[in-house]
């Protein structure tokens, strides 16, 4: 059974999501919160498997709440559910530790699939969000355009580390590593891990001499 905490500042949205999720035989809603601060309190008390997180909320927004939850409760997965698909918001959420990112107008069946995927430690990313990131980077990104965390993850890929090893080195969850790599692959214009490693060894200082170590 997947325990879900619904976080959204609109009561109608919380109610609708709760009804949809509760109708599924393999998941249940264990709580609902109207802002990030309330979400933190409920995560500590209820220990859900997945937090379905809105971004734009009063008191504490979804990005900060995601950062706090993934830091203080590393076993809890956060799936962002929002109307924002701009590149900055996507990257902020992923950098904060979100395991996945879907939009509010997604099909119900796709959202339920994303919740299940997130609970398994995977990183579902709405195709429209992926296209937004890709189109924002019409040419391959320069190193300076990658976030510090993306550079760290990519450098470790260049050194031949697996996702589980990268997560251990950086002190983050394997699902977060996967989410970063999904974005990085698109931003640097590669399709696979081998190409990403070669890109890292070419563009990231200090990576080449550690390759294969």
C-alpha atoms as a PDB file:
ATOM      1  CA  UNK A   1       0.000   0.000   0.000  1.00  0.00           C
ATOM      2  CA  UNK A   2       1.386   3.410  -1.014  1.00  0.00           C
ATOM      3  CA  UNK A   3       0.749   6.094   1.598  1.00  0.00           C
ATOM      4  CA  UNK A   4       0.327   9.527   0.007  1.00  0.00           C
ATOM      5  CA  UNK A   5       0.303  13.003   1.534  1.00  0.00           C
ATOM      6  CA  UNK A   6      -1.494  15.589  -0.625  1.00  0.00           C
ATOM      7  CA  UNK A   7      -0.144  19.147  -0.390  1.00  0.00           C
ATOM      8  CA  UNK A   8      -2.031  21.975  -2.123  1.00  0.00           C
ATOM      9  CA  UNK A   9      -3.379  25.321  -0.954  1.00  0.00           C
ATOM     10  CA  UNK A  10      -6.687  24.861  -2.800  1.00  0.00           C
ATOM     11  CA  UNK A  11      -9.239  22.832  -0.853  1.00  0.00           C
ATOM     12  CA  UNK A  12     -11.025  21.705  -4.019  1.00  0.00           C
ATOM     13  CA  UNK A  13      -7.792  20.342  -5.481  1.00  0.00           C
ATOM     14  CA  UNK A  14      -6.958  18.525  -2.236  1.00  0.00           C
ATOM     15  CA  UNK A  15     -10.424  16.997  -2.147  1.00  0.00           C
ATOM     16  CA  UNK A  16     -10.322  15.911  -5.790  1.00  0.00           C
ATOM     17  CA  UNK A  17      -6.889  14.351  -5.504  1.00  0.00           C
ATOM     18  CA  UNK A  18      -7.840  12.590  -2.283  1.00  0.00           C
ATOM     19  CA  UNK A  19     -10.914  11.046  -3.872  1.00  0.00           C
ATOM     20  CA  UNK A  20      -9.023   9.908  -6.956  1.00  0.00           C
ATOM     21  CA  UNK A  21      -6.139   8.355  -5.021  1.00  0.00           C
ATOM     22  CA  UNK A  22      -8.342   6.706  -2.383  1.00  0.00           C
ATOM     23  CA  UNK A  23     -10.287   4.927  -5.134  1.00  0.00           C
ATOM     24  CA  UNK A  24      -7.150   2.988  -6.096  1.00  0.00           C
ATOM     25  CA  UNK A  25      -6.693  -0.390  -4.395  1.00  0.00           C
ATOM     26  CA  UNK A  26      -2.926  -0.016  -3.937  1.00  0.00           C
ATOM     27  CA  UNK A  27      -2.727   3.490  -2.455  1.00  0.00           C
ATOM     28  CA  UNK A  28      -4.322   5.670   0.178  1.00  0.00           C
ATOM     29  CA  UNK A  29      -4.207   9.293   1.321  1.00  0.00           C
ATOM     30  CA  UNK A  30      -2.898   9.487   4.878  1.00  0.00           C
ATOM     31  CA  UNK A  31      -3.108  13.268   5.159  1.00  0.00           C
ATOM     32  CA  UNK A  32      -3.552  16.611   3.390  1.00  0.00           C
ATOM     33  CA  UNK A  33      -1.779  19.930   3.914  1.00  0.00           C
ATOM     34  CA  UNK A  34      -2.503  23.460   2.702  1.00  0.00           C
ATOM     35  CA  UNK A  35       1.079  24.772   2.731  1.00  0.00           C
ATOM     36  CA  UNK A  36       4.686  23.637   2.990  1.00  0.00           C
ATOM     37  CA  UNK A  37       5.014  24.205   6.736  1.00  0.00           C
ATOM     38  CA  UNK A  38       1.962  22.065   7.417  1.00  0.00           C
ATOM     39  CA  UNK A  39       3.340  19.447   5.050  1.00  0.00           C
ATOM     40  CA  UNK A  40       6.561  19.235   7.074  1.00  0.00           C
ATOM     41  CA  UNK A  41       4.611  18.643  10.265  1.00  0.00           C
ATOM     42  CA  UNK A  42       2.498  15.917   8.673  1.00  0.00           C
ATOM     43  CA  UNK A  43       5.462  14.166   7.061  1.00  0.00           C
ATOM     44  CA  UNK A  44       7.123  13.917  10.476  1.00  0.00           C
ATOM     45  CA  UNK A  45       3.945  12.526  12.004  1.00  0.00           C
ATOM     46  CA  UNK A  46       2.592  10.316   9.211  1.00  0.00           C
ATOM     47  CA  UNK A  47       5.750   9.136   7.365  1.00  0.00           C
ATOM     48  CA  UNK A  48       4.084   8.850   3.920  1.00  0.00           C
ATOM     49  CA  UNK A  49       5.799   7.062   1.057  1.00  0.00           C
ATOM     50  CA  UNK A  50       5.034   9.842  -1.433  1.00  0.00           C
ATOM     51  CA  UNK A  51       4.286  13.542  -0.973  1.00  0.00           C
ATOM     52  CA  UNK A  52       2.259  15.007  -3.837  1.00  0.00           C
ATOM     53  CA  UNK A  53       3.556  18.577  -3.733  1.00  0.00           C
ATOM     54  CA  UNK A  54       2.191  21.811  -5.174  1.00  0.00           C
ATOM     55  CA  UNK A  55       4.766  24.584  -5.724  1.00  0.00           C
ATOM     56  CA  UNK A  56       2.914  27.887  -5.286  1.00  0.00           C
ATOM     57  CA  UNK A  57       1.619  28.048  -1.707  1.00  0.00           C
ATOM     58  CA  UNK A  58       1.558  30.530   1.181  1.00  0.00           C
ATOM     59  CA  UNK A  59       3.690  30.319   4.354  1.00  0.00           C
ATOM     60  CA  UNK A  60       6.242  27.966   2.763  1.00  0.00           C
ATOM     61  CA  UNK A  61       6.306  27.206  -0.966  1.00  0.00           C
ATOM     62  CA  UNK A  62       6.698  23.765  -2.460  1.00  0.00           C
ATOM     63  CA  UNK A  63      10.357  24.132  -3.404  1.00  0.00           C
ATOM     64  CA  UNK A  64      11.470  24.941   0.154  1.00  0.00           C
ATOM     65  CA  UNK A  65       9.155  22.283   1.584  1.00  0.00           C
ATOM     66  CA  UNK A  66      10.613  19.722  -0.844  1.00  0.00           C
ATOM     67  CA  UNK A  67      14.140  20.683   0.182  1.00  0.00           C
ATOM     68  CA  UNK A  68      13.307  20.331   3.875  1.00  0.00           C
ATOM     69  CA  UNK A  69      11.461  17.037   3.449  1.00  0.00           C
ATOM     70  CA  UNK A  70      14.135  15.360   1.328  1.00  0.00           C
ATOM     71  CA  UNK A  71      16.828  16.508   3.748  1.00  0.00           C
ATOM     72  CA  UNK A  72      15.072  15.635   6.999  1.00  0.00           C
ATOM     73  CA  UNK A  73      13.195  12.563   5.749  1.00  0.00           C
ATOM     74  CA  UNK A  74      15.343  10.906   3.043  1.00  0.00           C
ATOM     75  CA  UNK A  75      13.037   7.880   2.802  1.00  0.00           C
ATOM     76  CA  UNK A  76      10.091  10.043   1.708  1.00  0.00           C
ATOM     77  CA  UNK A  77       9.696  10.666  -2.031  1.00  0.00           C
ATOM     78  CA  UNK A  78       8.341  13.982  -3.353  1.00  0.00           C
ATOM     79  CA  UNK A  79       6.367  14.172  -6.593  1.00  0.00           C
ATOM     80  CA  UNK A  80       5.725  17.734  -7.730  1.00  0.00           C
ATOM     81  CA  UNK A  81       2.242  18.378  -9.124  1.00  0.00           C
ATOM     82  CA  UNK A  82       1.949  21.918 -10.423  1.00  0.00           C
ATOM     83  CA  UNK A  83       0.804  24.122 -13.271  1.00  0.00           C
ATOM     84  CA  UNK A  84       4.304  25.562 -13.730  1.00  0.00           C
ATOM     85  CA  UNK A  85       6.322  24.136 -16.620  1.00  0.00           C
ATOM     86  CA  UNK A  86       8.921  26.893 -17.035  1.00  0.00           C
ATOM     87  CA  UNK A  87      12.534  25.799 -16.913  1.00  0.00           C
ATOM     88  CA  UNK A  88      13.457  27.735 -13.785  1.00  0.00           C
ATOM     89  CA  UNK A  89      10.705  26.222 -11.660  1.00  0.00           C
ATOM     90  CA  UNK A  90      11.442  22.724 -12.939  1.00  0.00           C
ATOM     91  CA  UNK A  91      15.139  23.028 -12.090  1.00  0.00           C
ATOM     92  CA  UNK A  92      14.433  24.568  -8.676  1.00  0.00           C
ATOM     93  CA  UNK A  93      12.176  21.641  -7.780  1.00  0.00           C
ATOM     94  CA  UNK A  94      14.601  18.992  -9.023  1.00  0.00           C
ATOM     95  CA  UNK A  95      17.527  20.664  -7.259  1.00  0.00           C
ATOM     96  CA  UNK A  96      15.472  20.660  -4.065  1.00  0.00           C
ATOM     97  CA  UNK A  97      15.246  16.878  -4.306  1.00  0.00           C
ATOM     98  CA  UNK A  98      11.932  16.212  -6.049  1.00  0.00           C
ATOM     99  CA  UNK A  99      11.826  12.718  -7.472  1.00  0.00           C
ATOM    100  CA  UNK A 100       9.406  13.592 -10.268  1.00  0.00           C
ATOM    101  CA  UNK A 101       7.510  16.462 -11.894  1.00  0.00           C
ATOM    102  CA  UNK A 102       4.045  16.343 -13.475  1.00  0.00           C
ATOM    103  CA  UNK A 103       1.560  19.019 -14.490  1.00  0.00           C
ATOM    104  CA  UNK A 104      -1.899  19.509 -13.030  1.00  0.00           C
ATOM    105  CA  UNK A 105      -3.686  19.028 -16.332  1.00  0.00           C
ATOM    106  CA  UNK A 106      -2.179  15.583 -16.823  1.00  0.00           C
ATOM    107  CA  UNK A 107      -4.549  12.663 -17.298  1.00  0.00           C
ATOM    108  CA  UNK A 108      -5.636  11.055 -14.001  1.00  0.00           C
ATOM    109  CA  UNK A 109      -4.308   7.662 -15.072  1.00  0.00           C
ATOM    110  CA  UNK A 110      -0.921   9.198 -15.870  1.00  0.00           C
ATOM    111  CA  UNK A 111      -0.772  10.911 -12.469  1.00  0.00           C
ATOM    112  CA  UNK A 112      -1.558   7.646 -10.687  1.00  0.00           C
ATOM    113  CA  UNK A 113       1.162   5.934 -12.712  1.00  0.00           C
ATOM    114  CA  UNK A 114       3.584   8.707 -11.723  1.00  0.00           C
ATOM    115  CA  UNK A 115       2.754   8.220  -8.032  1.00  0.00           C
ATOM    116  CA  UNK A 116       3.432   4.495  -8.295  1.00  0.00           C
ATOM    117  CA  UNK A 117       6.638   5.137 -10.204  1.00  0.00           C
ATOM    118  CA  UNK A 118       7.823   7.663  -7.616  1.00  0.00           C
ATOM    119  CA  UNK A 119       7.080   5.238  -4.785  1.00  0.00           C
ATOM    120  CA  UNK A 120       9.380   2.710  -6.492  1.00  0.00           C
ATOM    121  CA  UNK A 121      12.192   5.268  -6.561  1.00  0.00           C
ATOM    122  CA  UNK A 122      11.849   6.179 -10.230  1.00  0.00           C
ATOM    123  CA  UNK A 123      11.747   9.747 -11.577  1.00  0.00           C
ATOM    124  CA  UNK A 124       8.664  10.446 -13.715  1.00  0.00           C
ATOM    125  CA  UNK A 125       8.964  13.648 -15.737  1.00  0.00           C
ATOM    126  CA  UNK A 126       6.013  15.011 -17.707  1.00  0.00           C
ATOM    127  CA  UNK A 127       6.915  14.949 -21.434  1.00  0.00           C
ATOM    128  CA  UNK A 128       5.864  18.593 -21.757  1.00  0.00           C
ATOM    129  CA  UNK A 129       8.236  19.530 -18.961  1.00  0.00           C
ATOM    130  CA  UNK A 130      11.025  17.621 -20.690  1.00  0.00           C
ATOM    131  CA  UNK A 131      10.304  19.496 -23.929  1.00  0.00           C
ATOM    132  CA  UNK A 132      10.325  22.823 -22.073  1.00  0.00           C
ATOM    133  CA  UNK A 133      13.789  22.103 -20.709  1.00  0.00           C
ATOM    134  CA  UNK A 134      14.979  20.882 -24.097  1.00  0.00           C
ATOM    135  CA  UNK A 135      13.636  23.879 -26.013  1.00  0.00           C
ATOM    136  CA  UNK A 136      15.142  26.255 -23.484  1.00  0.00           C
ATOM    137  CA  UNK A 137      18.504  24.780 -24.395  1.00  0.00           C
ATOM    138  CA  UNK A 138      18.479  24.801 -28.199  1.00  0.00           C
ATOM    139  CA  UNK A 139      22.242  24.351 -28.184  1.00  0.00           C
ATOM    140  CA  UNK A 140      24.109  22.081 -25.771  1.00  0.00           C
ATOM    141  CA  UNK A 141      24.568  23.678 -22.384  1.00  0.00           C
ATOM    142  CA  UNK A 142      27.895  25.080 -21.267  1.00  0.00           C
ATOM    143  CA  UNK A 143      29.269  23.985 -17.922  1.00  0.00           C
ATOM    144  CA  UNK A 144      28.397  27.373 -16.429  1.00  0.00           C
ATOM    145  CA  UNK A 145      24.738  26.823 -17.348  1.00  0.00           C
ATOM    146  CA  UNK A 146      24.489  23.650 -15.266  1.00  0.00           C
ATOM    147  CA  UNK A 147      23.669  23.954 -11.590  1.00  0.00           C
ATOM    148  CA  UNK A 148      26.345  23.066  -9.073  1.00  0.00           C
ATOM    149  CA  UNK A 149      24.529  19.854  -8.192  1.00  0.00           C
ATOM    150  CA  UNK A 150      24.180  18.894 -11.865  1.00  0.00           C
ATOM    151  CA  UNK A 151      27.915  19.383 -12.329  1.00  0.00           C
ATOM    152  CA  UNK A 152      28.641  17.198  -9.303  1.00  0.00           C
ATOM    153  CA  UNK A 153      26.379  14.405 -10.568  1.00  0.00           C
ATOM    154  CA  UNK A 154      27.730  14.637 -14.112  1.00  0.00           C
ATOM    155  CA  UNK A 155      31.351  14.624 -12.917  1.00  0.00           C
ATOM    156  CA  UNK A 156      30.729  11.406 -11.008  1.00  0.00           C
ATOM    157  CA  UNK A 157      29.099   9.872 -14.097  1.00  0.00           C
ATOM    158  CA  UNK A 158      32.275  10.834 -15.948  1.00  0.00           C
ATOM    159  CA  UNK A 159      34.291   8.971 -13.328  1.00  0.00           C
ATOM    160  CA  UNK A 160      32.239   5.851 -13.971  1.00  0.00           C
ATOM    161  CA  UNK A 161      30.112   5.761 -10.827  1.00  0.00           C
ATOM    162  CA  UNK A 162      26.659   4.150 -10.855  1.00  0.00           C
ATOM    163  CA  UNK A 163      23.595   6.034  -9.625  1.00  0.00           C
ATOM    164  CA  UNK A 164      23.623   4.270  -6.263  1.00  0.00           C
ATOM    165  CA  UNK A 165      27.284   5.189  -5.752  1.00  0.00           C
ATOM    166  CA  UNK A 166      26.645   8.806  -6.774  1.00  0.00           C
ATOM    167  CA  UNK A 167      23.776   9.015  -4.297  1.00  0.00           C
ATOM    168  CA  UNK A 168      26.030   7.717  -1.534  1.00  0.00           C
ATOM    169  CA  UNK A 169      28.866  10.140  -2.359  1.00  0.00           C
ATOM    170  CA  UNK A 170      26.587  13.194  -2.518  1.00  0.00           C
ATOM    171  CA  UNK A 171      24.324  12.175   0.347  1.00  0.00           C
ATOM    172  CA  UNK A 172      21.167  12.247  -1.770  1.00  0.00           C
ATOM    173  CA  UNK A 173      18.659   9.628  -2.871  1.00  0.00           C
ATOM    174  CA  UNK A 174      19.120   7.504  -5.957  1.00  0.00           C
ATOM    175  CA  UNK A 175      15.826   8.841  -7.314  1.00  0.00           C
ATOM    176  CA  UNK A 176      17.193  12.381  -7.061  1.00  0.00           C
ATOM    177  CA  UNK A 177      20.280  11.345  -9.032  1.00  0.00           C
ATOM    178  CA  UNK A 178      18.033   9.923 -11.761  1.00  0.00           C
ATOM    179  CA  UNK A 179      16.003  13.134 -11.882  1.00  0.00           C
ATOM    180  CA  UNK A 180      19.139  15.238 -12.288  1.00  0.00           C
ATOM    181  CA  UNK A 181      20.452  12.986 -15.033  1.00  0.00           C
ATOM    182  CA  UNK A 182      17.152  13.126 -16.930  1.00  0.00           C
ATOM    183  CA  UNK A 183      17.504  16.902 -17.076  1.00  0.00           C
ATOM    184  CA  UNK A 184      21.265  16.920 -17.695  1.00  0.00           C
ATOM    185  CA  UNK A 185      21.009  14.537 -20.651  1.00  0.00           C
ATOM    186  CA  UNK A 186      18.533  16.887 -22.315  1.00  0.00           C
ATOM    187  CA  UNK A 187      20.481  20.035 -21.504  1.00  0.00           C
ATOM    188  CA  UNK A 188      23.853  18.826 -22.793  1.00  0.00           C
ATOM    189  CA  UNK A 189      22.284  17.167 -25.825  1.00  0.00           C
ATOM    190  CA  UNK A 190      23.071  13.478 -25.185  1.00  0.00           C
ATOM    191  CA  UNK A 191      20.884  10.398 -25.120  1.00  0.00           C
ATOM    192  CA  UNK A 192      22.794   7.921 -22.998  1.00  0.00           C
ATOM    193  CA  UNK A 193      25.105   7.572 -20.022  1.00  0.00           C
ATOM    194  CA  UNK A 194      28.208   6.821 -22.088  1.00  0.00           C
ATOM    195  CA  UNK A 195      27.828  10.024 -24.094  1.00  0.00           C
ATOM    196  CA  UNK A 196      27.246  11.972 -20.874  1.00  0.00           C
ATOM    197  CA  UNK A 197      30.432  10.525 -19.381  1.00  0.00           C
ATOM    198  CA  UNK A 198      32.416  11.530 -22.469  1.00  0.00           C
ATOM    199  CA  UNK A 199      30.912  15.039 -22.316  1.00  0.00           C
ATOM    200  CA  UNK A 200      31.877  15.299 -18.661  1.00  0.00           C
ATOM    201  CA  UNK A 201      35.449  14.202 -19.304  1.00  0.00           C
ATOM    202  CA  UNK A 202      35.747  16.808 -22.048  1.00  0.00           C
ATOM    203  CA  UNK A 203      34.063  19.747 -20.334  1.00  0.00           C
ATOM    204  CA  UNK A 204      34.419  19.270 -16.571  1.00  0.00           C
ATOM    205  CA  UNK A 205      37.903  20.003 -15.170  1.00  0.00           C
ATOM    206  CA  UNK A 206      39.399  17.179 -13.132  1.00  0.00           C
ATOM    207  CA  UNK A 207      37.034  14.515 -14.452  1.00  0.00           C
ATOM    208  CA  UNK A 208      39.223  12.886 -17.101  1.00  0.00           C
ATOM    209  CA  UNK A 209      42.084  11.913 -14.845  1.00  0.00           C
ATOM    210  CA  UNK A 210      39.657  10.180 -12.463  1.00  0.00           C
ATOM    211  CA  UNK A 211      37.765   8.333 -15.191  1.00  0.00           C
ATOM    212  CA  UNK A 212      37.460   4.645 -14.407  1.00  0.00           C
ATOM    213  CA  UNK A 213      38.863   5.031 -10.908  1.00  0.00           C
END
